[in-house]
Structures are given as C-alpha cells and as structure tokens.
N, C-alpha and C. Protein backbone atom coordinates (compact mmCIF):
# COMPACT_ATOMS: atom_id res chain seq x y z
N MET A 1 18.70 -1.97 -18.12
CA MET A 1 19.78 -1.65 -18.93
C MET A 1 19.39 -1.91 -20.44
N GLY A 2 20.09 -1.21 -21.25
CA GLY A 2 19.92 -1.43 -22.70
C GLY A 2 21.04 -2.37 -23.18
N ILE A 3 20.94 -2.79 -24.32
CA ILE A 3 21.92 -3.67 -25.07
C ILE A 3 23.27 -3.03 -25.04
N SER A 4 23.35 -1.74 -25.07
CA SER A 4 24.58 -1.02 -25.14
C SER A 4 25.44 -1.30 -23.89
N TRP A 5 24.77 -1.46 -22.71
CA TRP A 5 25.51 -1.89 -21.49
C TRP A 5 26.22 -3.15 -21.69
N ILE A 6 25.50 -4.21 -22.22
CA ILE A 6 26.08 -5.48 -22.35
C ILE A 6 27.22 -5.43 -23.39
N ASN A 7 26.99 -4.73 -24.46
CA ASN A 7 28.08 -4.57 -25.48
C ASN A 7 29.31 -3.86 -24.85
N GLU A 8 29.11 -2.89 -23.97
CA GLU A 8 30.32 -2.16 -23.35
C GLU A 8 31.03 -3.10 -22.39
N CYS A 9 30.21 -3.86 -21.58
CA CYS A 9 30.93 -4.84 -20.68
C CYS A 9 31.68 -5.90 -21.45
N LEU A 10 31.19 -6.34 -22.45
CA LEU A 10 31.88 -7.36 -23.35
C LEU A 10 33.12 -6.74 -23.94
N ARG A 11 33.00 -5.52 -24.46
CA ARG A 11 34.06 -4.83 -25.22
C ARG A 11 35.21 -4.58 -24.12
N LEU A 12 34.96 -4.30 -22.82
CA LEU A 12 35.91 -4.08 -21.81
C LEU A 12 36.27 -5.24 -20.97
N SER A 13 35.60 -6.30 -21.18
CA SER A 13 35.77 -7.57 -20.41
C SER A 13 35.63 -7.35 -18.98
N LYS A 14 34.63 -6.48 -18.63
CA LYS A 14 34.41 -6.29 -17.08
C LYS A 14 33.09 -5.64 -16.97
N LEU A 15 32.48 -5.73 -15.76
CA LEU A 15 31.29 -5.09 -15.52
C LEU A 15 31.40 -3.55 -15.39
N VAL A 16 30.64 -2.87 -16.21
CA VAL A 16 30.60 -1.47 -16.17
C VAL A 16 29.49 -0.94 -15.26
N LYS A 17 29.67 0.18 -14.62
CA LYS A 17 28.65 0.75 -13.77
C LYS A 17 27.40 0.96 -14.75
N PRO A 18 26.20 0.52 -14.33
CA PRO A 18 25.05 0.59 -15.21
C PRO A 18 24.44 2.03 -15.26
N ASP A 19 24.84 2.90 -14.48
CA ASP A 19 24.09 4.23 -14.35
C ASP A 19 23.91 4.91 -15.74
N ASP A 20 24.86 5.02 -16.47
CA ASP A 20 24.81 5.63 -17.86
C ASP A 20 24.05 4.81 -18.91
N PHE A 21 23.70 3.67 -18.65
CA PHE A 21 23.04 2.77 -19.56
C PHE A 21 21.62 2.37 -19.27
N GLU A 22 20.99 2.96 -18.17
CA GLU A 22 19.77 2.60 -17.76
C GLU A 22 18.72 3.26 -18.82
N VAL A 23 17.73 2.53 -19.14
CA VAL A 23 16.70 2.99 -20.04
C VAL A 23 15.68 3.81 -19.28
N ASN A 24 14.95 4.65 -20.02
CA ASN A 24 13.98 5.53 -19.42
C ASN A 24 12.66 4.90 -19.65
N ASP A 25 11.67 5.46 -18.80
CA ASP A 25 10.25 4.85 -18.94
C ASP A 25 9.61 5.42 -20.26
N ASN A 26 8.26 5.14 -20.30
CA ASN A 26 7.65 5.57 -21.48
C ASN A 26 7.47 7.08 -21.73
N ASN A 27 7.66 7.78 -20.67
CA ASN A 27 7.60 9.27 -20.71
C ASN A 27 8.87 9.90 -20.83
N GLY A 28 10.03 9.08 -21.05
CA GLY A 28 11.31 9.63 -21.26
C GLY A 28 11.96 10.07 -19.88
N GLU A 29 11.43 9.66 -18.78
CA GLU A 29 11.89 9.95 -17.46
C GLU A 29 12.70 8.78 -16.99
N PRO A 30 13.60 8.97 -16.03
CA PRO A 30 14.44 7.93 -15.49
C PRO A 30 13.76 7.11 -14.35
N GLY A 31 12.51 6.64 -14.67
CA GLY A 31 11.71 5.93 -13.73
C GLY A 31 12.37 4.70 -13.13
N PRO A 32 12.93 3.77 -14.07
CA PRO A 32 13.60 2.62 -13.54
C PRO A 32 14.72 2.98 -12.56
N ASN A 33 15.50 4.04 -12.93
CA ASN A 33 16.55 4.47 -11.97
C ASN A 33 15.99 4.97 -10.61
N ARG A 34 14.94 5.77 -10.63
CA ARG A 34 14.29 6.20 -9.43
C ARG A 34 13.79 5.03 -8.54
N ALA A 35 13.20 4.02 -9.25
CA ALA A 35 12.59 2.84 -8.43
C ALA A 35 13.78 2.06 -7.87
N ARG A 36 14.89 1.97 -8.59
CA ARG A 36 16.01 1.14 -8.04
C ARG A 36 16.70 1.83 -6.82
N ILE A 37 16.78 3.10 -6.83
CA ILE A 37 17.53 3.78 -5.80
C ILE A 37 16.70 4.36 -4.72
N SER A 38 15.33 4.21 -4.88
CA SER A 38 14.36 4.78 -3.91
C SER A 38 14.53 4.04 -2.56
N THR A 39 14.49 4.83 -1.47
CA THR A 39 14.53 4.29 -0.14
C THR A 39 13.16 3.93 0.41
N GLU A 40 12.10 4.47 -0.32
CA GLU A 40 10.73 4.24 0.03
C GLU A 40 10.18 2.97 -0.69
N PRO A 41 9.41 2.12 0.02
CA PRO A 41 8.95 0.97 -0.62
C PRO A 41 7.81 1.42 -1.64
N ALA A 42 7.94 0.90 -2.90
CA ALA A 42 6.89 1.36 -3.88
C ALA A 42 5.63 0.52 -3.68
N LYS A 43 4.55 1.22 -3.82
CA LYS A 43 3.21 0.63 -3.77
C LYS A 43 2.58 0.64 -5.15
N LEU A 44 2.08 -0.41 -5.58
CA LEU A 44 1.54 -0.59 -6.96
C LEU A 44 0.35 0.40 -7.18
N PHE A 45 -0.54 0.49 -6.23
CA PHE A 45 -1.79 1.27 -6.49
C PHE A 45 -1.70 2.62 -5.71
N GLN A 46 -0.48 3.08 -5.31
CA GLN A 46 -0.39 4.40 -4.55
C GLN A 46 -1.04 5.48 -5.41
N SER A 47 -1.82 6.34 -4.74
CA SER A 47 -2.50 7.47 -5.30
C SER A 47 -3.70 7.07 -6.14
N LEU A 48 -4.15 5.79 -6.15
CA LEU A 48 -5.32 5.32 -6.92
C LEU A 48 -6.49 5.20 -5.94
N GLU A 49 -7.67 5.63 -6.37
CA GLU A 49 -8.91 5.54 -5.71
C GLU A 49 -9.76 4.51 -6.30
N VAL A 50 -10.31 3.51 -5.56
CA VAL A 50 -11.01 2.39 -6.11
C VAL A 50 -12.35 2.28 -5.43
N CYS A 51 -13.37 2.00 -6.05
CA CYS A 51 -14.74 1.74 -5.58
C CYS A 51 -15.00 0.26 -5.95
N VAL A 52 -15.11 -0.62 -5.01
CA VAL A 52 -15.24 -2.05 -5.23
C VAL A 52 -16.76 -2.42 -5.10
N LYS A 53 -17.26 -3.01 -6.20
CA LYS A 53 -18.63 -3.49 -6.30
C LYS A 53 -18.67 -4.87 -6.88
N GLY A 54 -19.75 -5.63 -6.74
CA GLY A 54 -19.92 -6.85 -7.46
C GLY A 54 -19.67 -8.05 -6.61
N LYS A 55 -19.80 -9.17 -7.27
CA LYS A 55 -19.52 -10.51 -6.61
C LYS A 55 -18.12 -10.95 -6.81
N PHE A 56 -17.61 -11.65 -5.84
CA PHE A 56 -16.22 -12.15 -5.96
C PHE A 56 -16.25 -13.75 -5.83
N VAL A 57 -15.40 -14.39 -6.65
CA VAL A 57 -15.42 -15.70 -6.76
C VAL A 57 -14.16 -16.35 -6.09
N THR A 58 -13.00 -15.90 -6.40
CA THR A 58 -11.76 -16.46 -5.92
C THR A 58 -11.30 -15.87 -4.47
N MET A 59 -11.91 -14.81 -4.02
CA MET A 59 -11.59 -14.23 -2.68
C MET A 59 -12.87 -13.43 -2.29
N THR A 60 -12.84 -13.12 -1.01
CA THR A 60 -13.96 -12.35 -0.58
C THR A 60 -13.72 -10.84 -0.89
N GLN A 61 -14.81 -10.04 -0.88
CA GLN A 61 -14.65 -8.65 -1.09
C GLN A 61 -13.68 -8.08 -0.05
N ALA A 62 -13.90 -8.43 1.20
CA ALA A 62 -13.01 -7.89 2.23
C ALA A 62 -11.55 -8.28 2.05
N GLU A 63 -11.23 -9.47 1.53
CA GLU A 63 -9.86 -9.87 1.18
C GLU A 63 -9.26 -8.96 0.04
N PHE A 64 -10.12 -8.76 -0.93
CA PHE A 64 -9.63 -7.98 -2.10
C PHE A 64 -9.50 -6.41 -1.65
N VAL A 65 -10.33 -5.87 -0.74
CA VAL A 65 -10.17 -4.51 -0.23
C VAL A 65 -8.92 -4.42 0.52
N GLY A 66 -8.61 -5.52 1.30
CA GLY A 66 -7.34 -5.53 2.10
C GLY A 66 -6.14 -5.47 1.15
N LEU A 67 -6.22 -6.27 0.08
CA LEU A 67 -5.14 -6.35 -0.87
C LEU A 67 -4.97 -4.92 -1.55
N LEU A 68 -6.03 -4.29 -1.92
CA LEU A 68 -5.91 -2.96 -2.40
C LEU A 68 -5.26 -1.99 -1.55
N ILE A 69 -5.74 -1.94 -0.21
CA ILE A 69 -5.19 -1.12 0.81
C ILE A 69 -3.76 -1.32 1.03
N ASP A 70 -3.31 -2.60 1.17
CA ASP A 70 -1.98 -2.93 1.23
C ASP A 70 -1.07 -2.60 0.21
N SER A 71 -1.65 -2.41 -0.91
CA SER A 71 -1.03 -2.00 -2.20
C SER A 71 -0.96 -0.49 -2.51
N GLY A 72 -1.53 0.24 -1.44
CA GLY A 72 -1.49 1.68 -1.60
C GLY A 72 -2.76 2.37 -2.06
N ALA A 73 -3.77 1.63 -2.44
CA ALA A 73 -4.94 2.24 -2.87
C ALA A 73 -5.84 2.80 -1.79
N THR A 74 -6.63 3.83 -2.16
CA THR A 74 -7.67 4.29 -1.26
C THR A 74 -8.99 3.60 -1.70
N VAL A 75 -9.63 3.07 -0.82
CA VAL A 75 -10.95 2.37 -1.16
C VAL A 75 -12.12 3.24 -0.82
N LEU A 76 -12.88 3.66 -1.88
CA LEU A 76 -14.07 4.48 -1.72
C LEU A 76 -15.33 3.64 -1.48
N ARG A 77 -16.29 4.19 -0.62
CA ARG A 77 -17.56 3.52 -0.37
C ARG A 77 -18.46 3.76 -1.41
N PHE A 78 -18.39 4.91 -2.13
CA PHE A 78 -19.29 5.24 -3.26
C PHE A 78 -18.58 6.16 -4.15
N VAL A 79 -19.10 6.43 -5.29
CA VAL A 79 -18.39 7.37 -6.27
C VAL A 79 -19.48 8.38 -6.54
N LEU A 80 -18.98 9.67 -6.50
CA LEU A 80 -19.76 10.84 -6.94
C LEU A 80 -19.46 11.07 -8.39
N SER A 81 -20.27 10.89 -9.30
CA SER A 81 -20.08 11.08 -10.68
C SER A 81 -20.04 12.54 -11.06
N SER A 82 -19.02 12.92 -11.87
CA SER A 82 -18.89 14.30 -12.25
C SER A 82 -19.19 14.45 -13.82
N PHE A 83 -19.81 13.41 -14.41
CA PHE A 83 -20.09 13.39 -15.80
C PHE A 83 -21.35 14.14 -16.04
C-alpha cells in the first residue's frame, strides 16, 4: 500500500479496502496484487536456468542444487555458449 491508503484510513477512522491503494511494481504492473491473490505458490527462481560450478564453503554443491530446484530453478549440467 502507499501512504495514501494510511491517510484515507485515518481520514475515515476505519480500515479501507486496500485494493485501490496497492502500489505497482517497477514495470507499472500490479505485481504485488497478483502475488497477494495468487493461489499458486510463488517460487523465487521460477523460469531461471542455473549452471553450478566451483567450490562451496557453507554448504555442499548438492545442497545448493537442491535449494535451487526447490526454489523453482532448472539446474543445467553445462552451458552451450551462444556468444
């Protein structure tokens, strides 16, 4: 919500339905509203492809890959460069 929702609630001395006061995302879309009313659980890395390489200190590579998969990412075994 924006500050205008708070001001309107104070002016009327009651809670006002927030629908008309929800802010838009960076693209001007009603992203926060879609996220709030969605019946599907949101996954942070949905539609993201990740190739995991390197050494891991705080967790194993398998644990990190599991975290990525649980968060909606697709883990790639290798990357075909198109550059």
